[in-house]
C-alpha cells in the first residue's frame, strides 16, 4: 500500500512537471499579422540582395567599359595605308612604286 501511495505522489508531481516542460518547448502560434510581417520582411531582404547584385553587375560593366575606352585612347593609331598605284603607271615604265 505504501508503494502505491508513493507512486501516486511521485506521479502527481512528475506529471505537471512534464506538461510544463512540454509547454515550454512548444512555440506559440504566429498570428496572421505576424506572418504577413515576416513575409514582407523576407521580400524586403530579397529585394535588397537583388539590388546589391544588380549594383555589382553595373559597377563591373562600367569598369570594363572604362578599361576598353582607356585602351582605345592610349593604343597606337593604325598605320595609314598608302594609296595603291596599280594601273596608274606611265606607259613604258619599268616598275611602279
PDB file of N, CA and C in Angstrom:
ATOM      1  N   UNK A   1       0.812  -1.177   0.000  1.00  0.00           N
ATOM      2  CA  UNK A   1       0.000   0.000   0.000  1.00  0.00           C
ATOM      3  C   UNK A   1       0.871   1.261   0.000  1.00  0.00           C
ATOM      4  N   UNK A   2       1.937   1.216   0.754  1.00  0.00           N
ATOM      5  CA  UNK A   2       2.841   2.363   0.785  1.00  0.00           C
ATOM      6  C   UNK A   2       3.430   2.621  -0.597  1.00  0.00           C
ATOM      7  N   UNK A   3       3.713   1.560  -1.310  1.00  0.00           N
ATOM      8  CA  UNK A   3       4.296   1.717  -2.642  1.00  0.00           C
ATOM      9  C   UNK A   3       3.307   2.434  -3.559  1.00  0.00           C
ATOM     10  N   UNK A   4       2.045   2.105  -3.451  1.00  0.00           N
ATOM     11  CA  UNK A   4       1.041   2.743  -4.296  1.00  0.00           C
ATOM     12  C   UNK A   4       0.884   4.218  -3.938  1.00  0.00           C
ATOM     13  N   UNK A   5       0.966   4.528  -2.663  1.00  0.00           N
ATOM     14  CA  UNK A   5       0.854   5.923  -2.230  1.00  0.00           C
ATOM     15  C   UNK A   5       2.055   6.707  -2.733  1.00  0.00           C
ATOM     16  N   UNK A   6       3.243   6.125  -2.607  1.00  0.00           N
ATOM     17  CA  UNK A   6       4.461   6.795  -3.082  1.00  0.00           C
ATOM     18  C   UNK A   6       4.391   6.978  -4.598  1.00  0.00           C
ATOM     19  N   UNK A   7       3.923   5.954  -5.298  1.00  0.00           N
ATOM     20  CA  UNK A   7       3.803   6.049  -6.753  1.00  0.00           C
ATOM     21  C   UNK A   7       2.798   7.129  -7.138  1.00  0.00           C
ATOM     22  N   UNK A   8       1.712   7.234  -6.409  1.00  0.00           N
ATOM     23  CA  UNK A   8       0.707   8.252  -6.698  1.00  0.00           C
ATOM     24  C   UNK A   8       1.269   9.647  -6.459  1.00  0.00           C
ATOM     25  N   UNK A   9       2.014   9.795  -5.377  1.00  0.00           N
ATOM     26  CA  UNK A   9       2.603  11.107  -5.066  1.00  0.00           C
ATOM     27  C   UNK A   9       3.636  11.484  -6.122  1.00  0.00           C
ATOM     28  N   UNK A  10       4.481  10.528  -6.476  1.00  0.00           N
ATOM     29  CA  UNK A  10       5.524  10.805  -7.481  1.00  0.00           C
ATOM     30  C   UNK A  10       4.891  11.134  -8.824  1.00  0.00           C
ATOM     31  N   UNK A  11       3.878  10.368  -9.209  1.00  0.00           N
ATOM     32  CA  UNK A  11       3.239  10.640 -10.498  1.00  0.00           C
ATOM     33  C   UNK A  11       2.494  11.965 -10.480  1.00  0.00           C
ATOM     34  N   UNK A  12       1.919  12.331  -9.352  1.00  0.00           N
ATOM     35  CA  UNK A  12       1.212  13.612  -9.282  1.00  0.00           C
ATOM     36  C   UNK A  12       2.192  14.782  -9.357  1.00  0.00           C
ATOM     37  N   UNK A  13       3.413  14.587  -8.907  1.00  0.00           N
ATOM     38  CA  UNK A  13       4.421  15.642  -9.006  1.00  0.00           C
ATOM     39  C   UNK A  13       5.102  15.642 -10.375  1.00  0.00           C
ATOM     40  N   UNK A  14       5.334  14.461 -10.915  1.00  0.00           N
ATOM     41  CA  UNK A  14       6.063  14.358 -12.174  1.00  0.00           C
ATOM     42  C   UNK A  14       5.215  14.774 -13.369  1.00  0.00           C
ATOM     43  N   UNK A  15       3.932  14.483 -13.351  1.00  0.00           N
ATOM     44  CA  UNK A  15       3.066  14.794 -14.484  1.00  0.00           C
ATOM     45  C   UNK A  15       2.988  16.298 -14.766  1.00  0.00           C
ATOM     46  N   UNK A  16       2.757  17.153 -13.770  1.00  0.00           N
ATOM     47  CA  UNK A  16       2.730  18.596 -14.067  1.00  0.00           C
ATOM     48  C   UNK A  16       4.082  19.115 -14.551  1.00  0.00           C
ATOM     49  N   UNK A  17       5.165  18.548 -14.051  1.00  0.00           N
ATOM     50  CA  UNK A  17       6.489  18.993 -14.492  1.00  0.00           C
ATOM     51  C   UNK A  17       6.709  18.618 -15.957  1.00  0.00           C
ATOM     52  N   UNK A  18       6.259  17.436 -16.352  1.00  0.00           N
ATOM     53  CA  UNK A  18       6.411  17.008 -17.740  1.00  0.00           C
ATOM     54  C   UNK A  18       5.558  17.868 -18.661  1.00  0.00           C
ATOM     55  N   UNK A  19       4.356  18.198 -18.244  1.00  0.00           N
ATOM     56  CA  UNK A  19       3.474  19.030 -19.059  1.00  0.00           C
ATOM     57  C   UNK A  19       4.053  20.430 -19.192  1.00  0.00           C
ATOM     58  N   UNK A  20       4.585  20.994 -18.095  1.00  0.00           N
ATOM     59  CA  UNK A  20       5.150  22.341 -18.173  1.00  0.00           C
ATOM     60  C   UNK A  20       6.410  22.348 -19.025  1.00  0.00           C
ATOM     61  N   UNK A  21       7.200  21.271 -18.983  1.00  0.00           N
ATOM     62  CA  UNK A  21       8.389  21.195 -19.829  1.00  0.00           C
ATOM     63  C   UNK A  21       7.992  21.136 -21.295  1.00  0.00           C
ATOM     64  N   UNK A  22       6.926  20.399 -21.596  1.00  0.00           N
ATOM     65  CA  UNK A  22       6.454  20.317 -22.975  1.00  0.00           C
ATOM     66  C   UNK A  22       5.903  21.659 -23.423  1.00  0.00           C
ATOM     67  N   UNK A  23       5.219  22.342 -22.553  1.00  0.00           N
ATOM     68  CA  UNK A  23       4.656  23.646 -22.890  1.00  0.00           C
ATOM     69  C   UNK A  23       5.760  24.663 -23.148  1.00  0.00           C
ATOM     70  N   UNK A  24       6.877  24.524 -22.475  1.00  0.00           N
ATOM     71  CA  UNK A  24       7.976  25.465 -22.675  1.00  0.00           C
ATOM     72  C   UNK A  24       8.690  25.230 -24.001  1.00  0.00           C
ATOM     73  N   UNK A  25       8.671  24.017 -24.519  1.00  0.00           N
ATOM     74  CA  UNK A  25       9.358  23.748 -25.777  1.00  0.00           C
ATOM     75  C   UNK A  25       8.490  24.073 -26.982  1.00  0.00           C
ATOM     76  N   UNK A  26       7.183  24.102 -26.826  1.00  0.00           N
ATOM     77  CA  UNK A  26       6.304  24.459 -27.936  1.00  0.00           C
ATOM     78  C   UNK A  26       6.257  25.970 -28.086  1.00  0.00           C
ATOM     79  N   UNK A  27       6.342  26.413 -29.322  1.00  0.00           N
ATOM     80  CA  UNK A  27       6.244  27.843 -29.578  1.00  0.00           C
ATOM     81  C   UNK A  27       4.784  28.217 -29.788  1.00  0.00           C
ATOM     82  N   UNK A  28       4.424  29.414 -29.415  1.00  0.00           N
ATOM     83  CA  UNK A  28       3.040  29.834 -29.650  1.00  0.00           C
ATOM     84  C   UNK A  28       2.796  30.003 -31.150  1.00  0.00           C
ATOM     85  N   UNK A  29       1.565  29.843 -31.543  1.00  0.00           N
ATOM     86  CA  UNK A  29       1.216  30.010 -32.951  1.00  0.00           C
ATOM     87  C   UNK A  29       1.406  31.464 -33.358  1.00  0.00           C
ATOM     88  N   UNK A  30       1.843  31.641 -34.599  1.00  0.00           N
ATOM     89  CA  UNK A  30       2.019  33.017 -35.073  1.00  0.00           C
ATOM     90  C   UNK A  30       0.692  33.536 -35.602  1.00  0.00           C
ATOM     91  N   UNK A  31       0.462  34.779 -35.351  1.00  0.00           N
ATOM     92  CA  UNK A  31      -0.784  35.397 -35.803  1.00  0.00           C
ATOM     93  C   UNK A  31      -0.677  35.717 -37.296  1.00  0.00           C
ATOM     94  N   UNK A  32      -1.803  35.908 -37.955  1.00  0.00           N
ATOM     95  CA  UNK A  32      -1.756  36.278 -39.379  1.00  0.00           C
ATOM     96  C   UNK A  32      -0.978  37.575 -39.617  1.00  0.00           C
ATOM     97  N   UNK A  33      -1.106  38.517 -38.709  1.00  0.00           N
ATOM     98  CA  UNK A  33      -0.374  39.781 -38.864  1.00  0.00           C
ATOM     99  C   UNK A  33       1.131  39.549 -38.761  1.00  0.00           C
ATOM    100  N   UNK A  34       1.522  38.673 -37.840  1.00  0.00           N
ATOM    101  CA  UNK A  34       2.951  38.381 -37.684  1.00  0.00           C
ATOM    102  C   UNK A  34       3.487  37.647 -38.910  1.00  0.00           C
ATOM    103  N   UNK A  35       2.692  36.725 -39.460  1.00  0.00           N
ATOM    104  CA  UNK A  35       3.114  36.023 -40.678  1.00  0.00           C
ATOM    105  C   UNK A  35       3.253  37.003 -41.838  1.00  0.00           C
ATOM    106  N   UNK A  36       2.306  37.932 -41.946  1.00  0.00           N
ATOM    107  CA  UNK A  36       2.376  38.940 -43.004  1.00  0.00           C
ATOM    108  C   UNK A  36       3.619  39.798 -42.845  1.00  0.00           C
ATOM    109  N   UNK A  37       3.909  40.195 -41.626  1.00  0.00           N
ATOM    110  CA  UNK A  37       5.101  40.997 -41.357  1.00  0.00           C
ATOM    111  C   UNK A  37       6.362  40.229 -41.721  1.00  0.00           C
ATOM    112  N   UNK A  38       6.414  38.954 -41.361  1.00  0.00           N
ATOM    113  CA  UNK A  38       7.579  38.132 -41.701  1.00  0.00           C
ATOM    114  C   UNK A  38       7.738  38.007 -43.212  1.00  0.00           C
ATOM    115  N   UNK A  39       6.622  37.824 -43.928  1.00  0.00           N
ATOM    116  CA  UNK A  39       6.679  37.732 -45.390  1.00  0.00           C
ATOM    117  C   UNK A  39       7.193  39.033 -46.001  1.00  0.00           C
ATOM    118  N   UNK A  40       6.696  40.150 -45.494  1.00  0.00           N
ATOM    119  CA  UNK A  40       7.141  41.451 -46.006  1.00  0.00           C
ATOM    120  C   UNK A  40       8.631  41.639 -45.744  1.00  0.00           C
ATOM    121  N   UNK A  41       9.076  41.302 -44.547  1.00  0.00           N
ATOM    122  CA  UNK A  41      10.497  41.440 -44.224  1.00  0.00           C
ATOM    123  C   UNK A  41      11.356  40.551 -45.114  1.00  0.00           C
ATOM    124  N   UNK A  42      10.882  39.331 -45.372  1.00  0.00           N
ATOM    125  CA  UNK A  42      11.622  38.420 -46.254  1.00  0.00           C
ATOM    126  C   UNK A  42      11.739  39.000 -47.659  1.00  0.00           C
ATOM    127  N   UNK A  43      10.631  39.561 -48.161  1.00  0.00           N
ATOM    128  CA  UNK A  43      10.653  40.158 -49.503  1.00  0.00           C
ATOM    129  C   UNK A  43      11.593  41.358 -49.564  1.00  0.00           C
ATOM    130  N   UNK A  44      11.585  42.166 -48.523  1.00  0.00           N
ATOM    131  CA  UNK A  44      12.479  43.331 -48.483  1.00  0.00           C
ATOM    132  C   UNK A  44      13.932  42.873 -48.504  1.00  0.00           C
ATOM    133  N   UNK A  45      14.264  41.865 -47.715  1.00  0.00           N
ATOM    134  CA  UNK A  45      15.636  41.355 -47.701  1.00  0.00           C
ATOM    135  C   UNK A  45      16.025  40.791 -49.062  1.00  0.00           C
ATOM    136  N   UNK A  46      15.105  40.078 -49.700  1.00  0.00           N
ATOM    137  CA  UNK A  46      15.388  39.518 -51.018  1.00  0.00           C
ATOM    138  C   UNK A  46      15.594  40.645 -52.038  1.00  0.00           C
ATOM    139  N   UNK A  47      14.758  41.672 -51.980  1.00  0.00           N
ATOM    140  CA  UNK A  47      14.915  42.812 -52.891  1.00  0.00           C
ATOM    141  C   UNK A  47      16.259  43.502 -52.677  1.00  0.00           C
ATOM    142  N   UNK A  48      16.673  43.631 -51.418  1.00  0.00           N
ATOM    143  CA  UNK A  48      17.959  44.258 -51.132  1.00  0.00           C
ATOM    144  C   UNK A  48      19.112  43.425 -51.683  1.00  0.00           C
ATOM    145  N   UNK A  49      19.004  42.096 -51.576  1.00  0.00           N
ATOM    146  CA  UNK A  49      20.053  41.241 -52.146  1.00  0.00           C
ATOM    147  C   UNK A  49      20.100  41.395 -53.660  1.00  0.00           C
ATOM    148  N   UNK A  50      18.930  41.428 -54.296  1.00  0.00           N
ATOM    149  CA  UNK A  50      18.881  41.582 -55.753  1.00  0.00           C
ATOM    150  C   UNK A  50      19.468  42.932 -56.163  1.00  0.00           C
ATOM    151  N   UNK A  51      19.121  43.992 -55.442  1.00  0.00           N
ATOM    152  CA  UNK A  51      19.664  45.312 -55.758  1.00  0.00           C
ATOM    153  C   UNK A  51      21.180  45.331 -55.607  1.00  0.00           C
ATOM    154  N   UNK A  52      21.687  44.644 -54.597  1.00  0.00           N
ATOM    155  CA  UNK A  52      23.137  44.563 -54.412  1.00  0.00           C
ATOM    156  C   UNK A  52      23.817  43.860 -55.572  1.00  0.00           C
ATOM    157  N   UNK A  53      23.218  42.780 -56.045  1.00  0.00           N
ATOM    158  CA  UNK A  53      23.787  42.056 -57.190  1.00  0.00           C
ATOM    159  C   UNK A  53      23.737  42.928 -58.438  1.00  0.00           C
ATOM    160  N   UNK A  54      22.608  43.612 -58.649  1.00  0.00           N
ATOM    161  CA  UNK A  54      22.497  44.495 -59.813  1.00  0.00           C
ATOM    162  C   UNK A  54      23.533  45.610 -59.756  1.00  0.00           C
ATOM    163  N   UNK A  55      23.769  46.149 -58.579  1.00  0.00           N
ATOM    164  CA  UNK A  55      24.761  47.208 -58.431  1.00  0.00           C
ATOM    165  C   UNK A  55      26.159  46.669 -58.723  1.00  0.00           C
ATOM    166  N   UNK A  56      26.457  45.454 -58.282  1.00  0.00           N
ATOM    167  CA  UNK A  56      27.753  44.841 -58.581  1.00  0.00           C
ATOM    168  C   UNK A  56      27.934  44.660 -60.084  1.00  0.00           C
ATOM    169  N   UNK A  57      26.889  44.190 -60.754  1.00  0.00           N
ATOM    170  CA  UNK A  57      26.967  43.987 -62.207  1.00  0.00           C
ATOM    171  C   UNK A  57      27.182  45.320 -62.910  1.00  0.00           C
ATOM    172  N   UNK A  58      26.448  46.350 -62.476  1.00  0.00           N
ATOM    173  CA  UNK A  58      26.596  47.677 -63.077  1.00  0.00           C
ATOM    174  C   UNK A  58      28.009  48.221 -62.900  1.00  0.00           C
ATOM    175  N   UNK A  59      28.561  48.080 -61.701  1.00  0.00           N
ATOM    176  CA  UNK A  59      29.907  48.610 -61.463  1.00  0.00           C
ATOM    177  C   UNK A  59      30.950  47.830 -62.260  1.00  0.00           C
ATOM    178  N   UNK A  60      30.784  46.521 -62.393  1.00  0.00           N
ATOM    179  CA  UNK A  60      31.721  45.738 -63.203  1.00  0.00           C
ATOM    180  C   UNK A  60      31.622  46.127 -64.676  1.00  0.00           C
ATOM    181  N   UNK A  61      30.406  46.345 -65.164  1.00  0.00           N
ATOM    182  CA  UNK A  61      30.232  46.768 -66.558  1.00  0.00           C
ATOM    183  C   UNK A  61      30.890  48.120 -66.794  1.00  0.00           C
ATOM    184  N   UNK A  62      30.710  49.044 -65.870  1.00  0.00           N
ATOM    185  CA  UNK A  62      31.340  50.360 -66.003  1.00  0.00           C
ATOM    186  C   UNK A  62      32.857  50.246 -65.976  1.00  0.00           C
ATOM    187  N   UNK A  63      33.373  49.392 -65.116  1.00  0.00           N
ATOM    188  CA  UNK A  63      34.821  49.207 -65.030  1.00  0.00           C
ATOM    189  C   UNK A  63      35.365  48.635 -66.344  1.00  0.00           C
ATOM    190  N   UNK A  64      34.668  47.663 -66.903  1.00  0.00           N
ATOM    191  CA  UNK A  64      35.098  47.077 -68.180  1.00  0.00           C
ATOM    192  C   UNK A  64      35.032  48.126 -69.289  1.00  0.00           C
ATOM    193  N   UNK A  65      33.948  48.912 -69.313  1.00  0.00           N
ATOM    194  CA  UNK A  65      33.802  49.961 -70.325  1.00  0.00           C
ATOM    195  C   UNK A  65      34.937  50.980 -70.212  1.00  0.00           C
ATOM    196  N   UNK A  66      35.279  51.376 -68.996  1.00  0.00           N
ATOM    197  CA  UNK A  66      36.368  52.331 -68.800  1.00  0.00           C
ATOM    198  C   UNK A  66      37.701  51.747 -69.253  1.00  0.00           C
ATOM    199  N   UNK A  67      37.925  50.464 -68.980  1.00  0.00           N
ATOM    200  CA  UNK A  67      39.168  49.826 -69.424  1.00  0.00           C
ATOM    201  C   UNK A  67      39.255  49.815 -70.947  1.00  0.00           C
ATOM    202  N   UNK A  68      38.146  49.508 -71.602  1.00  0.00           N
ATOM    203  CA  UNK A  68      38.140  49.488 -73.071  1.00  0.00           C
ATOM    204  C   UNK A  68      38.405  50.884 -73.616  1.00  0.00           C
ATOM    205  N   UNK A  69      37.754  51.894 -73.059  1.00  0.00           N
ATOM    206  CA  UNK A  69      37.966  53.269 -73.522  1.00  0.00           C
ATOM    207  C   UNK A  69      39.404  53.711 -73.298  1.00  0.00           C
ATOM    208  N   UNK A  70      39.975  53.364 -72.156  1.00  0.00           N
ATOM    209  CA  UNK A  70      41.364  53.730 -71.864  1.00  0.00           C
ATOM    210  C   UNK A  70      42.311  53.029 -72.838  1.00  0.00           C
ATOM    211  N   UNK A  71      42.049  51.747 -73.108  1.00  0.00           N
ATOM    212  CA  UNK A  71      42.893  51.020 -74.060  1.00  0.00           C
ATOM    213  C   UNK A  71      42.813  51.649 -75.449  1.00  0.00           C
ATOM    214  N   UNK A  72      41.621  52.060 -75.859  1.00  0.00           N
ATOM    215  CA  UNK A  72      41.477  52.697 -77.169  1.00  0.00           C
ATOM    216  C   UNK A  72      42.177  54.047 -77.208  1.00  0.00           C
ATOM    217  N   UNK A  73      42.110  54.781 -76.105  1.00  0.00           N
ATOM    218  CA  UNK A  73      42.692  56.115 -76.059  1.00  0.00           C
ATOM    219  C   UNK A  73      44.217  56.058 -76.156  1.00  0.00           C
ATOM    220  N   UNK A  74      44.828  55.098 -75.480  1.00  0.00           N
ATOM    221  CA  UNK A  74      46.282  55.035 -75.433  1.00  0.00           C
ATOM    222  C   UNK A  74      46.876  54.029 -76.418  1.00  0.00           C
ATOM    223  N   UNK A  75      46.057  53.424 -77.235  1.00  0.00           N
ATOM    224  CA  UNK A  75      46.560  52.464 -78.225  1.00  0.00           C
ATOM    225  C   UNK A  75      47.236  53.226 -79.357  1.00  0.00           C
ATOM    226  N   UNK A  76      48.197  52.575 -80.007  1.00  0.00           N
ATOM    227  CA  UNK A  76      48.855  53.182 -81.162  1.00  0.00           C
ATOM    228  C   UNK A  76      47.839  53.297 -82.290  1.00  0.00           C
ATOM    229  N   UNK A  77      47.856  54.421 -82.991  1.00  0.00           N
ATOM    230  CA  UNK A  77      46.898  54.566 -84.088  1.00  0.00           C
ATOM    231  C   UNK A  77      47.242  53.572 -85.202  1.00  0.00           C
ATOM    232  N   UNK A  78      46.256  53.130 -85.929  1.00  0.00           N
ATOM    233  CA  UNK A  78      46.542  52.188 -87.016  1.00  0.00           C
ATOM    234  C   UNK A  78      47.371  52.878 -88.101  1.00  0.00           C
ATOM    235  N   UNK A  79      48.235  52.133 -88.759  1.00  0.00           N
ATOM    236  CA  UNK A  79      49.064  52.761 -89.800  1.00  0.00           C
ATOM    237  C   UNK A  79      48.181  53.266 -90.945  1.00  0.00           C
ATOM    238  N   UNK A  80      48.600  54.383 -91.494  1.00  0.00           N
ATOM    239  CA  UNK A  80      47.852  54.979 -92.598  1.00  0.00           C
ATOM    240  C   UNK A  80      48.198  54.198 -93.861  1.00  0.00           C
ATOM    241  N   UNK A  81      47.218  53.645 -94.520  1.00  0.00           N
ATOM    242  CA  UNK A  81      47.534  52.875 -95.734  1.00  0.00           C
ATOM    243  C   UNK A  81      47.987  53.800 -96.863  1.00  0.00           C
ATOM    244  N   UNK A  82      48.993  53.337 -97.586  1.00  0.00           N
ATOM    245  CA  UNK A  82      49.484  54.101 -98.725  1.00  0.00           C
ATOM    246  C   UNK A  82      48.544  53.859 -99.897  1.00  0.00           C
ATOM    247  N   UNK A  83      48.300  54.878-100.656  1.00  0.00           N
ATOM    248  CA  UNK A  83      47.395  54.689-101.792  1.00  0.00           C
ATOM    249  C   UNK A  83      48.020  53.738-102.814  1.00  0.00           C
ATOM    250  N   UNK A  84      47.204  52.899-103.340  1.00  0.00           N
ATOM    251  CA  UNK A  84      47.664  51.928-104.328  1.00  0.00           C
ATOM    252  C   UNK A  84      47.807  52.617-105.679  1.00  0.00           C
ATOM    253  N   UNK A  85      48.888  52.278-106.375  1.00  0.00           N
ATOM    254  CA  UNK A  85      49.136  52.934-107.664  1.00  0.00           C
ATOM    255  C   UNK A  85      49.030  51.927-108.796  1.00  0.00           C
ATOM    256  N   UNK A  86      48.404  50.829-108.562  1.00  0.00           N
ATOM    257  CA  UNK A  86      48.286  49.843-109.640  1.00  0.00           C
ATOM    258  C   UNK A  86      47.449  50.416-110.777  1.00  0.00           C
ATOM    259  N   UNK A  87      47.905  50.144-111.920  1.00  0.00           N
ATOM    260  CA  UNK A  87      47.172  50.597-113.097  1.00  0.00           C
ATOM    261  C   UNK A  87      47.384  52.056-113.429  1.00  0.00           C
ATOM    262  N   UNK A  88      48.204  52.761-112.638  1.00  0.00           N
ATOM    263  CA  UNK A  88      48.444  54.178-112.913  1.00  0.00           C
ATOM    264  C   UNK A  88      49.882  54.428-113.337  1.00  0.00           C
ATOM    265  N   UNK A  89      50.601  53.346-113.606  1.00  0.00           N
ATOM    266  CA  UNK A  89      51.997  53.521-114.030  1.00  0.00           C
ATOM    267  C   UNK A  89      52.021  54.098-115.457  1.00  0.00           C
ATOM    268  N   UNK A  90      52.955  54.991-115.693  1.00  0.00           N
ATOM    269  CA  UNK A  90      53.056  55.527-117.052  1.00  0.00           C
ATOM    270  C   UNK A  90      53.465  54.421-118.044  1.00  0.00           C
ATOM    271  N   UNK A  91      53.059  54.568-119.211  1.00  0.00           N
ATOM    272  CA  UNK A  91      53.361  53.566-120.231  1.00  0.00           C
ATOM    273  C   UNK A  91      54.863  53.504-120.462  1.00  0.00           C
ATOM    274  N   UNK A  92      55.393  52.304-120.538  1.00  0.00           N
ATOM    275  CA  UNK A  92      56.809  52.091-120.796  1.00  0.00           C
ATOM    276  C   UNK A  92      57.674  52.133-119.562  1.00  0.00           C
ATOM    277  N   UNK A  93      57.107  52.307-118.369  1.00  0.00           N
ATOM    278  CA  UNK A  93      57.933  52.339-117.156  1.00  0.00           C
ATOM    279  C   UNK A  93      58.328  50.928-116.770  1.00  0.00           C
ATOM    280  N   UNK A  94      59.481  50.802-116.135  1.00  0.00           N
ATOM    281  CA  UNK A  94      60.000  49.504-115.739  1.00  0.00           C
ATOM    282  C   UNK A  94      59.284  48.997-114.496  1.00  0.00           C
ATOM    283  N   UNK A  95      59.022  49.830-113.538  1.00  0.00           N
ATOM    284  CA  UNK A  95      58.350  49.404-112.306  1.00  0.00           C
ATOM    285  C   UNK A  95      57.513  50.537-111.757  1.00  0.00           C
ATOM    286  N   UNK A  96      56.551  50.151-110.956  1.00  0.00           N
ATOM    287  CA  UNK A  96      55.710  51.145-110.267  1.00  0.00           C
ATOM    288  C   UNK A  96      55.933  51.019-108.772  1.00  0.00           C
ATOM    289  N   UNK A  97      56.032  52.128-108.116  1.00  0.00           N
ATOM    290  CA  UNK A  97      56.180  52.119-106.656  1.00  0.00           C
ATOM    291  C   UNK A  97      54.947  52.653-106.014  1.00  0.00           C
TER     292      UNK A  97
END
